[in-house]
């Protein structure tokens, strides 16, 4: 009788264990189940990295474009124009836009400059002389006082992963103070993952 009770007890223990494990496995299977939402494609995740400058080495909330040096601009209409490379250093396609254009200065006087930013096909599309290129897209077409800032154009521009875009940046002197003024150009960019990226 005692051995029968032990056997029944052991059998119940095994049954409870099987039920418990079966329950856990069933729950785990529910967690592993994939579901498709109607009307959507696959959603992939990855790393979002937008860099500015040659070599795609600068990752910052604000990019100071040192190659766009306004040295020697003394008369209204004088300008400097240089290409700027924007790269997708992440693992997913992204879209970007110019957030702000700032022209910081430590000089006492205030100058007024006009900043044009166009996306062009290559650096060859951004010569140091001539008129502002038409470009593939306009990211900025704004006048800014030194010590001030302005917003870029609202439109987005796409960059596939591991690729780059060339921007042509032009700064034109519109008004000069009586005293000499020196200034820099600082840009911020917004970036977002492309929806349903491949």
N, C-alpha and C. Protein backbone atom coordinates (compact mmCIF):
# COMPACT_ATOMS: atom_id res chain seq x y z
N UNK A 1 0.83 -1.19 0.00
CA UNK A 1 0.00 0.00 0.00
C UNK A 1 0.86 1.25 0.00
N UNK A 2 1.91 1.20 0.83
CA UNK A 2 2.80 2.35 0.90
C UNK A 2 3.52 2.54 -0.43
N UNK A 3 3.96 1.44 -1.04
CA UNK A 3 4.65 1.58 -2.32
C UNK A 3 3.72 2.07 -3.41
N UNK A 4 2.42 1.67 -3.34
CA UNK A 4 1.44 2.18 -4.31
C UNK A 4 1.26 3.67 -4.16
N UNK A 5 1.23 4.13 -2.89
CA UNK A 5 1.10 5.59 -2.66
C UNK A 5 2.31 6.33 -3.19
N UNK A 6 3.50 5.73 -3.01
CA UNK A 6 4.71 6.37 -3.53
C UNK A 6 4.67 6.46 -5.06
N UNK A 7 4.20 5.37 -5.69
CA UNK A 7 4.11 5.37 -7.14
C UNK A 7 3.09 6.39 -7.64
N UNK A 8 1.93 6.44 -6.96
CA UNK A 8 0.91 7.41 -7.34
C UNK A 8 1.42 8.83 -7.12
N UNK A 9 2.09 9.03 -6.00
CA UNK A 9 2.66 10.36 -5.71
C UNK A 9 3.70 10.75 -6.74
N UNK A 10 4.54 9.79 -7.12
CA UNK A 10 5.56 10.07 -8.14
C UNK A 10 4.92 10.37 -9.48
N UNK A 11 3.89 9.60 -9.83
CA UNK A 11 3.19 9.84 -11.09
C UNK A 11 2.53 11.20 -11.12
N UNK A 12 1.91 11.59 -9.99
CA UNK A 12 1.31 12.93 -9.92
C UNK A 12 2.37 14.02 -10.05
N UNK A 13 3.51 13.80 -9.39
CA UNK A 13 4.59 14.79 -9.47
C UNK A 13 5.07 14.94 -10.91
N UNK A 14 5.20 13.81 -11.62
CA UNK A 14 5.62 13.86 -13.03
C UNK A 14 4.57 14.57 -13.87
N UNK A 15 3.29 14.26 -13.63
CA UNK A 15 2.21 14.90 -14.38
C UNK A 15 2.20 16.39 -14.15
N UNK A 16 2.36 16.82 -12.90
CA UNK A 16 2.39 18.25 -12.58
C UNK A 16 3.58 18.91 -13.25
N UNK A 17 4.73 18.22 -13.21
CA UNK A 17 5.94 18.77 -13.85
C UNK A 17 5.72 18.93 -15.35
N UNK A 18 5.13 17.90 -15.99
CA UNK A 18 4.88 17.97 -17.43
C UNK A 18 3.91 19.11 -17.74
N UNK A 19 2.87 19.25 -16.94
CA UNK A 19 1.92 20.35 -17.15
C UNK A 19 2.61 21.70 -16.98
N UNK A 20 3.43 21.79 -15.95
CA UNK A 20 4.13 23.06 -15.71
C UNK A 20 5.06 23.39 -16.86
N UNK A 21 5.87 22.39 -17.27
CA UNK A 21 6.79 22.63 -18.38
C UNK A 21 6.03 22.90 -19.67
N UNK A 22 4.96 22.17 -19.88
CA UNK A 22 4.14 22.40 -21.06
C UNK A 22 3.57 23.80 -21.07
N UNK A 23 3.17 24.27 -19.92
CA UNK A 23 2.64 25.62 -19.81
C UNK A 23 3.70 26.66 -20.11
N UNK A 24 4.90 26.44 -19.55
CA UNK A 24 6.00 27.39 -19.80
C UNK A 24 6.36 27.40 -21.28
N UNK A 25 6.48 26.22 -21.88
CA UNK A 25 6.84 26.14 -23.29
C UNK A 25 5.79 26.81 -24.16
N UNK A 26 4.54 26.60 -23.83
CA UNK A 26 3.46 27.23 -24.59
C UNK A 26 3.55 28.75 -24.51
N UNK A 27 3.83 29.26 -23.31
CA UNK A 27 3.98 30.71 -23.14
C UNK A 27 5.17 31.22 -23.94
N UNK A 28 6.27 30.47 -23.86
CA UNK A 28 7.46 30.88 -24.61
C UNK A 28 7.17 30.92 -26.10
N UNK A 29 6.39 29.94 -26.57
CA UNK A 29 6.05 29.92 -28.00
C UNK A 29 5.23 31.15 -28.38
N UNK A 30 4.36 31.59 -27.48
CA UNK A 30 3.58 32.80 -27.76
C UNK A 30 4.49 34.02 -27.88
N UNK A 31 5.52 34.09 -27.05
CA UNK A 31 6.45 35.21 -27.12
C UNK A 31 7.26 35.18 -28.41
N UNK A 32 7.48 33.99 -28.94
CA UNK A 32 8.29 33.88 -30.15
C UNK A 32 7.47 34.01 -31.42
N UNK A 33 6.18 34.04 -31.30
CA UNK A 33 5.33 34.10 -32.48
C UNK A 33 5.43 35.45 -33.18
N UNK A 34 5.54 35.44 -34.50
CA UNK A 34 5.55 36.68 -35.29
C UNK A 34 4.14 37.02 -35.71
N UNK A 35 3.87 38.29 -35.81
CA UNK A 35 2.56 38.73 -36.27
C UNK A 35 2.74 39.75 -37.39
N UNK A 36 1.88 39.68 -38.39
CA UNK A 36 1.92 40.63 -39.50
C UNK A 36 0.76 41.60 -39.36
N UNK A 37 1.09 42.88 -39.42
CA UNK A 37 0.06 43.91 -39.35
C UNK A 37 -0.36 44.24 -40.77
N UNK A 38 -1.63 44.15 -41.08
CA UNK A 38 -2.10 44.42 -42.46
C UNK A 38 -1.69 45.81 -42.94
N UNK A 39 -1.27 45.86 -44.20
CA UNK A 39 -0.96 47.16 -44.82
C UNK A 39 0.42 47.68 -44.53
N UNK A 40 1.28 46.89 -43.88
CA UNK A 40 2.64 47.36 -43.60
C UNK A 40 3.64 46.35 -44.12
N UNK A 41 4.85 46.83 -44.36
CA UNK A 41 5.94 45.94 -44.74
C UNK A 41 6.76 45.59 -43.52
N UNK A 42 7.89 44.94 -43.72
CA UNK A 42 8.73 44.61 -42.57
C UNK A 42 9.32 45.88 -41.96
N UNK A 43 9.52 45.85 -40.67
CA UNK A 43 10.12 46.98 -39.96
C UNK A 43 11.48 46.53 -39.45
N UNK A 44 12.54 47.13 -39.94
CA UNK A 44 13.89 46.77 -39.54
C UNK A 44 14.48 47.85 -38.64
N UNK A 45 15.33 47.45 -37.75
CA UNK A 45 16.00 48.41 -36.88
C UNK A 45 17.47 48.45 -37.22
N UNK A 46 18.16 49.46 -36.77
CA UNK A 46 19.58 49.57 -37.03
C UNK A 46 20.13 50.81 -36.37
N UNK A 47 21.31 51.20 -36.78
CA UNK A 47 22.00 52.34 -36.20
C UNK A 47 21.86 53.55 -37.13
N UNK A 48 21.44 54.68 -36.57
CA UNK A 48 21.26 55.91 -37.33
C UNK A 48 22.44 56.84 -37.06
N UNK A 49 23.28 57.07 -38.08
CA UNK A 49 24.47 57.91 -37.92
C UNK A 49 24.59 58.84 -39.12
N UNK A 50 24.55 60.14 -38.88
CA UNK A 50 24.74 61.14 -39.93
C UNK A 50 26.00 61.92 -39.60
N UNK A 51 26.95 61.97 -40.53
CA UNK A 51 28.20 62.68 -40.28
C UNK A 51 28.38 63.79 -41.31
N UNK A 52 29.13 64.80 -40.93
CA UNK A 52 29.41 65.92 -41.82
C UNK A 52 30.92 66.10 -41.96
N UNK A 53 31.35 66.53 -43.13
CA UNK A 53 32.76 66.79 -43.35
C UNK A 53 33.44 65.69 -44.13
N UNK A 54 34.64 65.98 -44.62
CA UNK A 54 35.40 65.02 -45.41
C UNK A 54 35.73 63.80 -44.56
N UNK A 55 35.54 62.63 -45.14
CA UNK A 55 35.84 61.40 -44.41
C UNK A 55 34.74 60.96 -43.47
N UNK A 56 33.68 61.77 -43.35
CA UNK A 56 32.57 61.40 -42.48
C UNK A 56 32.98 61.18 -41.05
N UNK A 57 33.90 62.01 -40.54
CA UNK A 57 34.44 61.78 -39.20
C UNK A 57 33.78 62.61 -38.11
N UNK A 58 33.06 63.66 -38.48
CA UNK A 58 32.48 64.55 -37.47
C UNK A 58 31.05 64.16 -37.16
N UNK A 59 30.82 63.75 -35.90
CA UNK A 59 29.48 63.45 -35.42
C UNK A 59 29.20 64.39 -34.28
N UNK A 60 28.34 65.34 -34.50
CA UNK A 60 28.08 66.35 -33.49
C UNK A 60 26.70 66.94 -33.72
N UNK A 61 26.17 67.58 -32.68
CA UNK A 61 24.88 68.23 -32.85
C UNK A 61 25.02 69.49 -33.70
N UNK A 62 26.20 70.08 -33.72
CA UNK A 62 26.45 71.28 -34.53
C UNK A 62 27.77 71.11 -35.27
N UNK A 63 27.77 71.44 -36.55
CA UNK A 63 28.97 71.30 -37.37
C UNK A 63 29.47 72.68 -37.80
N UNK A 64 30.69 73.01 -37.41
CA UNK A 64 31.31 74.27 -37.83
C UNK A 64 32.06 74.00 -39.13
N UNK A 65 31.62 74.66 -40.19
CA UNK A 65 32.18 74.45 -41.52
C UNK A 65 33.38 75.37 -41.71
N UNK A 66 34.56 74.89 -41.30
CA UNK A 66 35.77 75.72 -41.33
C UNK A 66 36.24 76.02 -42.75
N UNK A 67 35.91 75.15 -43.71
CA UNK A 67 36.34 75.40 -45.09
C UNK A 67 35.59 76.58 -45.73
N UNK A 68 34.49 76.98 -45.10
CA UNK A 68 33.73 78.11 -45.62
C UNK A 68 34.21 79.38 -44.91
N UNK A 69 35.48 79.71 -45.14
CA UNK A 69 36.10 80.84 -44.44
C UNK A 69 35.77 82.14 -45.15
N UNK A 70 35.22 83.09 -44.42
CA UNK A 70 34.86 84.37 -45.05
C UNK A 70 36.02 85.36 -45.13
N UNK A 71 37.25 84.90 -44.97
CA UNK A 71 38.40 85.80 -45.02
C UNK A 71 38.46 86.51 -46.37
N UNK A 72 38.69 87.81 -46.35
CA UNK A 72 38.81 88.58 -47.58
C UNK A 72 37.50 89.11 -48.11
N UNK A 73 36.38 88.79 -47.45
CA UNK A 73 35.10 89.35 -47.89
C UNK A 73 34.96 90.75 -47.29
N UNK A 74 35.09 91.76 -48.12
CA UNK A 74 35.05 93.13 -47.60
C UNK A 74 33.99 93.99 -48.27
N UNK A 75 33.53 93.59 -49.43
CA UNK A 75 32.54 94.38 -50.15
C UNK A 75 31.22 93.61 -50.25
N UNK A 76 30.14 94.36 -50.28
CA UNK A 76 28.82 93.75 -50.44
C UNK A 76 28.79 92.96 -51.75
N UNK A 77 28.34 91.72 -51.68
CA UNK A 77 28.31 90.85 -52.85
C UNK A 77 29.45 89.86 -52.89
N UNK A 78 30.51 90.09 -52.08
CA UNK A 78 31.60 89.12 -52.02
C UNK A 78 31.06 87.82 -51.43
N UNK A 79 31.58 86.69 -51.92
CA UNK A 79 31.08 85.41 -51.41
C UNK A 79 32.19 84.36 -51.35
N UNK A 80 31.91 83.30 -50.61
CA UNK A 80 32.76 82.12 -50.58
C UNK A 80 31.82 80.92 -50.76
N UNK A 81 32.25 79.95 -51.59
CA UNK A 81 31.40 78.79 -51.91
C UNK A 81 32.25 77.53 -51.85
N UNK A 82 31.81 76.53 -51.07
CA UNK A 82 32.57 75.30 -50.91
C UNK A 82 31.63 74.10 -50.80
N UNK A 83 32.08 72.90 -51.22
CA UNK A 83 31.27 71.69 -51.06
C UNK A 83 31.39 71.13 -49.64
N UNK A 84 30.33 70.52 -49.17
CA UNK A 84 30.30 69.87 -47.85
C UNK A 84 29.70 68.48 -48.04
N UNK A 85 30.41 67.46 -47.54
CA UNK A 85 29.95 66.08 -47.67
C UNK A 85 29.17 65.66 -46.44
N UNK A 86 27.98 65.12 -46.65
CA UNK A 86 27.14 64.57 -45.59
C UNK A 86 27.04 63.07 -45.85
N UNK A 87 27.38 62.26 -44.84
CA UNK A 87 27.43 60.81 -45.03
C UNK A 87 26.49 60.06 -44.10
N UNK A 88 26.00 58.95 -44.59
CA UNK A 88 25.21 58.02 -43.79
C UNK A 88 26.18 56.96 -43.28
N UNK A 89 26.59 57.10 -42.03
CA UNK A 89 27.54 56.15 -41.44
C UNK A 89 26.86 55.06 -40.65
N UNK A 90 25.54 54.95 -40.75
CA UNK A 90 24.80 53.95 -39.99
C UNK A 90 24.53 52.70 -40.79
N UNK A 91 23.57 51.91 -40.31
CA UNK A 91 23.24 50.63 -40.94
C UNK A 91 21.88 50.64 -41.62
N UNK A 92 21.22 51.80 -41.65
CA UNK A 92 19.89 51.90 -42.24
C UNK A 92 19.82 53.13 -43.14
N UNK A 93 18.96 53.11 -44.15
CA UNK A 93 18.75 54.32 -44.97
C UNK A 93 18.15 55.43 -44.10
N UNK A 94 18.49 56.66 -44.41
CA UNK A 94 17.97 57.77 -43.63
C UNK A 94 17.56 58.94 -44.52
N UNK A 95 16.83 59.85 -43.90
CA UNK A 95 16.54 61.12 -44.56
C UNK A 95 17.06 62.22 -43.64
N UNK A 96 17.52 63.32 -44.25
CA UNK A 96 18.07 64.41 -43.45
C UNK A 96 17.62 65.75 -44.01
N UNK A 97 17.74 66.77 -43.20
CA UNK A 97 17.50 68.14 -43.64
C UNK A 97 18.36 69.07 -42.81
N UNK A 98 18.55 70.26 -43.31
CA UNK A 98 19.30 71.27 -42.57
C UNK A 98 18.39 71.84 -41.50
N UNK A 99 18.82 71.76 -40.24
CA UNK A 99 18.02 72.28 -39.14
C UNK A 99 18.15 73.79 -39.00
N UNK A 100 19.38 74.24 -38.72
CA UNK A 100 19.62 75.67 -38.55
C UNK A 100 20.94 76.08 -39.19
N UNK A 101 21.00 77.35 -39.52
CA UNK A 101 22.22 78.00 -40.00
C UNK A 101 22.54 79.10 -39.01
N UNK A 102 23.71 79.05 -38.41
CA UNK A 102 24.12 80.09 -37.46
C UNK A 102 25.41 80.75 -37.94
N UNK A 103 25.54 82.03 -37.66
CA UNK A 103 26.74 82.77 -38.04
C UNK A 103 27.30 83.46 -36.78
N UNK A 104 27.94 82.68 -35.90
CA UNK A 104 28.46 83.26 -34.67
C UNK A 104 29.63 84.20 -34.93
N UNK A 105 29.75 85.21 -34.08
CA UNK A 105 30.83 86.20 -34.21
C UNK A 105 31.14 86.77 -32.84
N UNK A 106 32.43 87.04 -32.62
CA UNK A 106 32.84 87.69 -31.37
C UNK A 106 33.18 89.16 -31.61
N UNK A 107 33.00 89.62 -32.85
CA UNK A 107 33.28 91.02 -33.19
C UNK A 107 32.19 91.94 -32.65
N UNK A 108 32.56 93.19 -32.43
CA UNK A 108 31.59 94.17 -31.91
C UNK A 108 30.54 94.51 -32.95
N UNK A 109 30.95 94.63 -34.21
CA UNK A 109 30.00 94.99 -35.26
C UNK A 109 29.15 93.81 -35.70
N UNK A 110 28.11 94.12 -36.46
CA UNK A 110 27.21 93.08 -36.96
C UNK A 110 27.17 93.14 -38.48
N UNK A 111 27.39 91.99 -39.10
CA UNK A 111 27.30 91.87 -40.56
C UNK A 111 26.05 91.07 -40.91
N UNK A 112 25.66 91.16 -42.15
CA UNK A 112 24.51 90.39 -42.63
C UNK A 112 24.97 89.57 -43.81
N UNK A 113 24.72 88.25 -43.75
CA UNK A 113 25.14 87.36 -44.84
C UNK A 113 23.94 86.58 -45.35
N UNK A 114 24.03 86.15 -46.60
CA UNK A 114 23.00 85.28 -47.17
C UNK A 114 23.63 83.91 -47.38
N UNK A 115 22.97 82.87 -46.88
CA UNK A 115 23.51 81.51 -46.98
C UNK A 115 22.61 80.67 -47.88
N UNK A 116 23.22 80.10 -48.91
CA UNK A 116 22.54 79.17 -49.82
C UNK A 116 23.15 77.79 -49.63
N UNK A 117 22.30 76.78 -49.51
CA UNK A 117 22.77 75.39 -49.43
C UNK A 117 21.97 74.57 -50.42
N UNK A 118 22.65 73.96 -51.37
CA UNK A 118 22.01 73.13 -52.39
C UNK A 118 22.64 71.74 -52.37
N UNK A 119 21.81 70.72 -52.58
CA UNK A 119 22.36 69.38 -52.78
C UNK A 119 22.73 69.26 -54.25
N UNK A 120 23.97 68.86 -54.51
CA UNK A 120 24.45 68.72 -55.89
C UNK A 120 24.91 67.29 -56.11
N UNK A 121 25.13 66.94 -57.38
CA UNK A 121 25.48 65.56 -57.73
C UNK A 121 26.88 65.17 -57.25
N UNK A 122 27.80 66.13 -57.23
CA UNK A 122 29.18 65.83 -56.84
C UNK A 122 29.89 67.14 -56.48
N UNK A 123 31.12 67.05 -56.01
CA UNK A 123 31.89 68.26 -55.68
C UNK A 123 32.13 69.11 -56.92
N UNK A 124 32.15 68.48 -58.09
CA UNK A 124 32.32 69.24 -59.33
C UNK A 124 31.16 70.19 -59.56
N UNK A 125 30.02 69.90 -58.96
CA UNK A 125 28.85 70.76 -59.11
C UNK A 125 28.86 71.94 -58.16
N UNK A 126 29.98 72.12 -57.46
CA UNK A 126 30.10 73.25 -56.52
C UNK A 126 31.43 73.97 -56.73
N UNK A 127 31.56 74.70 -57.84
CA UNK A 127 32.81 75.44 -58.09
C UNK A 127 32.96 76.61 -57.11
N UNK A 128 34.17 77.05 -56.93
CA UNK A 128 34.42 78.16 -56.00
C UNK A 128 34.04 79.51 -56.60
N UNK A 129 33.78 79.54 -57.90
CA UNK A 129 33.37 80.78 -58.56
C UNK A 129 32.05 80.56 -59.29
N UNK A 130 31.47 81.65 -59.80
CA UNK A 130 30.25 81.55 -60.57
C UNK A 130 29.01 81.73 -59.71
N UNK A 131 27.87 81.41 -60.29
CA UNK A 131 26.60 81.61 -59.60
C UNK A 131 26.25 80.42 -58.71
N UNK A 132 25.22 80.59 -57.90
CA UNK A 132 24.76 79.51 -57.04
C UNK A 132 24.21 78.39 -57.93
N UNK A 133 24.68 77.15 -57.77
CA UNK A 133 24.16 76.07 -58.62
C UNK A 133 22.69 75.80 -58.32
N UNK A 134 21.96 75.37 -59.36
CA UNK A 134 20.54 75.05 -59.16
C UNK A 134 20.40 73.87 -58.21
N UNK A 135 21.23 72.86 -58.39
CA UNK A 135 21.24 71.72 -57.49
C UNK A 135 20.04 70.80 -57.64
N UNK A 136 20.09 69.69 -56.89
CA UNK A 136 19.02 68.70 -56.89
C UNK A 136 17.94 69.04 -55.88
N UNK A 137 18.32 69.78 -54.83
CA UNK A 137 17.38 70.18 -53.78
C UNK A 137 17.95 71.38 -53.05
N UNK A 138 17.06 72.23 -52.54
CA UNK A 138 17.48 73.40 -51.76
C UNK A 138 17.29 73.11 -50.28
N UNK A 139 18.37 73.26 -49.51
CA UNK A 139 18.31 73.04 -48.07
C UNK A 139 18.27 74.35 -47.29
N UNK A 140 18.78 75.43 -47.90
CA UNK A 140 18.73 76.74 -47.25
C UNK A 140 18.83 77.84 -48.31
N UNK A 141 18.12 78.92 -48.04
CA UNK A 141 18.15 80.12 -48.89
C UNK A 141 17.72 81.25 -47.97
N UNK A 142 18.63 81.63 -47.04
CA UNK A 142 18.26 82.52 -45.94
C UNK A 142 19.31 83.61 -45.71
N UNK A 143 18.84 84.73 -45.20
CA UNK A 143 19.73 85.80 -44.77
C UNK A 143 19.85 85.73 -43.25
N UNK A 144 21.08 85.88 -42.76
CA UNK A 144 21.35 85.74 -41.33
C UNK A 144 22.29 86.84 -40.88
N UNK A 145 21.99 87.45 -39.76
CA UNK A 145 22.91 88.41 -39.15
C UNK A 145 23.94 87.65 -38.34
N UNK A 146 25.16 88.19 -38.30
CA UNK A 146 26.15 87.57 -37.44
C UNK A 146 25.63 87.62 -36.01
N UNK A 147 25.94 86.60 -35.26
CA UNK A 147 25.44 86.38 -33.89
C UNK A 147 24.00 85.88 -33.90
N UNK A 148 23.47 85.62 -35.10
CA UNK A 148 22.09 85.13 -35.20
C UNK A 148 22.04 83.77 -35.89
N UNK A 149 20.82 83.26 -36.08
CA UNK A 149 20.64 81.98 -36.77
C UNK A 149 19.30 81.99 -37.50
N UNK A 150 19.14 81.05 -38.40
CA UNK A 150 17.89 80.90 -39.17
C UNK A 150 17.66 79.43 -39.44
N UNK A 151 16.41 79.08 -39.72
CA UNK A 151 16.05 77.70 -40.01
C UNK A 151 16.31 77.37 -41.47
N UNK A 152 16.57 76.08 -41.72
CA UNK A 152 16.73 75.61 -43.08
C UNK A 152 15.36 75.37 -43.70
N UNK A 153 15.36 74.88 -44.93
CA UNK A 153 14.13 74.55 -45.64
C UNK A 153 13.57 73.25 -45.06
N UNK A 154 12.25 73.13 -45.00
CA UNK A 154 11.61 72.00 -44.32
C UNK A 154 11.76 70.66 -45.03
N UNK A 155 12.06 70.66 -46.33
CA UNK A 155 12.09 69.41 -47.08
C UNK A 155 13.21 68.46 -46.67
N UNK A 156 12.96 67.15 -46.84
CA UNK A 156 13.92 66.11 -46.49
C UNK A 156 14.65 65.63 -47.74
N UNK A 157 15.84 65.07 -47.53
CA UNK A 157 16.64 64.51 -48.61
C UNK A 157 17.16 63.14 -48.14
N UNK A 158 17.07 62.13 -49.00
CA UNK A 158 17.42 60.76 -48.61
C UNK A 158 18.88 60.43 -48.88
N UNK A 159 19.43 59.56 -48.01
CA UNK A 159 20.77 59.00 -48.24
C UNK A 159 20.71 57.50 -47.91
N UNK A 160 20.97 56.63 -48.90
CA UNK A 160 21.03 55.19 -48.60
C UNK A 160 22.17 54.90 -47.63
N UNK A 161 22.13 53.75 -46.98
CA UNK A 161 23.20 53.40 -46.04
C UNK A 161 24.53 53.28 -46.78
N UNK A 162 25.60 53.65 -46.09
CA UNK A 162 26.97 53.61 -46.62
C UNK A 162 27.18 54.53 -47.82
N UNK A 163 26.31 55.51 -48.01
CA UNK A 163 26.50 56.46 -49.10
C UNK A 163 26.55 57.88 -48.54
N UNK A 164 26.82 58.84 -49.41
CA UNK A 164 26.95 60.23 -48.98
C UNK A 164 26.25 61.16 -49.96
N UNK A 165 26.10 62.40 -49.53
CA UNK A 165 25.51 63.45 -50.35
C UNK A 165 26.45 64.65 -50.33
N UNK A 166 26.48 65.37 -51.44
CA UNK A 166 27.32 66.58 -51.51
C UNK A 166 26.43 67.81 -51.47
N UNK A 167 26.75 68.70 -50.56
CA UNK A 167 26.04 69.97 -50.46
C UNK A 167 26.96 71.07 -50.96
N UNK A 168 26.39 72.03 -51.67
CA UNK A 168 27.15 73.22 -52.08
C UNK A 168 26.68 74.36 -51.20
N UNK A 169 27.62 74.89 -50.43
CA UNK A 169 27.29 75.94 -49.45
C UNK A 169 27.93 77.25 -49.89
N UNK A 170 27.11 78.29 -49.93
CA UNK A 170 27.59 79.61 -50.37
C UNK A 170 27.18 80.65 -49.34
N UNK A 171 28.13 81.48 -48.96
CA UNK A 171 27.87 82.57 -48.03
C UNK A 171 28.23 83.89 -48.72
N UNK A 172 27.23 84.76 -48.83
CA UNK A 172 27.41 86.04 -49.52
C UNK A 172 27.24 87.19 -48.54
N UNK A 173 28.17 88.11 -48.57
CA UNK A 173 28.12 89.28 -47.68
C UNK A 173 27.09 90.27 -48.21
N UNK A 174 26.10 90.59 -47.35
CA UNK A 174 25.04 91.52 -47.74
C UNK A 174 25.21 92.91 -47.14
N UNK A 175 25.70 92.97 -45.94
CA UNK A 175 25.88 94.27 -45.26
C UNK A 175 27.06 94.17 -44.32
N UNK A 176 27.84 95.25 -44.27
CA UNK A 176 29.03 95.24 -43.42
C UNK A 176 28.99 96.43 -42.46
N UNK A 177 29.51 96.23 -41.24
CA UNK A 177 29.57 97.35 -40.29
C UNK A 177 30.76 98.25 -40.61
N UNK A 178 30.84 99.35 -39.90
CA UNK A 178 31.95 100.28 -40.12
C UNK A 178 33.27 99.67 -39.67
N UNK A 179 33.22 98.80 -38.65
CA UNK A 179 34.44 98.15 -38.17
C UNK A 179 34.53 96.75 -38.74
N UNK A 180 35.73 96.21 -38.76
CA UNK A 180 35.94 94.86 -39.29
C UNK A 180 35.19 93.83 -38.44
N UNK A 181 34.69 92.81 -39.09
CA UNK A 181 33.95 91.77 -38.38
C UNK A 181 34.41 90.40 -38.89
N UNK A 182 34.57 89.47 -37.96
CA UNK A 182 34.91 88.09 -38.33
C UNK A 182 33.80 87.18 -37.83
N UNK A 183 33.52 86.13 -38.58
CA UNK A 183 32.43 85.24 -38.20
C UNK A 183 32.68 83.84 -38.73
N UNK A 184 31.89 82.90 -38.26
CA UNK A 184 31.99 81.50 -38.66
C UNK A 184 30.62 81.03 -39.14
N UNK A 185 30.58 79.81 -39.69
CA UNK A 185 29.31 79.22 -40.13
C UNK A 185 29.11 77.90 -39.39
N UNK A 186 28.01 77.77 -38.68
CA UNK A 186 27.71 76.55 -37.93
C UNK A 186 26.34 76.03 -38.37
N UNK A 187 26.29 74.75 -38.70
CA UNK A 187 25.06 74.12 -39.19
C UNK A 187 24.63 73.00 -38.26
N UNK A 188 23.32 72.84 -38.10
CA UNK A 188 22.78 71.65 -37.45
C UNK A 188 21.93 70.91 -38.47
N UNK A 189 21.88 69.61 -38.34
CA UNK A 189 21.12 68.77 -39.26
C UNK A 189 20.16 67.88 -38.48
N UNK A 190 19.00 67.63 -39.06
CA UNK A 190 18.04 66.68 -38.52
C UNK A 190 18.13 65.41 -39.36
N UNK A 191 17.99 64.26 -38.71
CA UNK A 191 18.02 62.98 -39.44
C UNK A 191 16.96 62.05 -38.85
N UNK A 192 16.35 61.26 -39.73
CA UNK A 192 15.37 60.27 -39.32
C UNK A 192 15.54 59.01 -40.15
N UNK A 193 15.18 57.87 -39.56
CA UNK A 193 15.17 56.62 -40.28
C UNK A 193 14.07 56.66 -41.33
N UNK A 194 14.38 56.15 -42.53
CA UNK A 194 13.35 56.07 -43.56
C UNK A 194 12.32 55.03 -43.16
N UNK A 195 11.06 55.31 -43.36
CA UNK A 195 9.99 54.39 -43.00
C UNK A 195 10.07 53.11 -43.83
N UNK A 196 9.88 51.98 -43.14
CA UNK A 196 9.93 50.66 -43.79
C UNK A 196 11.20 50.50 -44.65
N UNK A 197 12.33 50.85 -44.03
CA UNK A 197 13.57 50.79 -44.77
C UNK A 197 13.90 49.36 -45.19
N UNK A 198 14.50 49.19 -46.37
CA UNK A 198 14.86 47.84 -46.83
C UNK A 198 16.06 47.30 -46.09
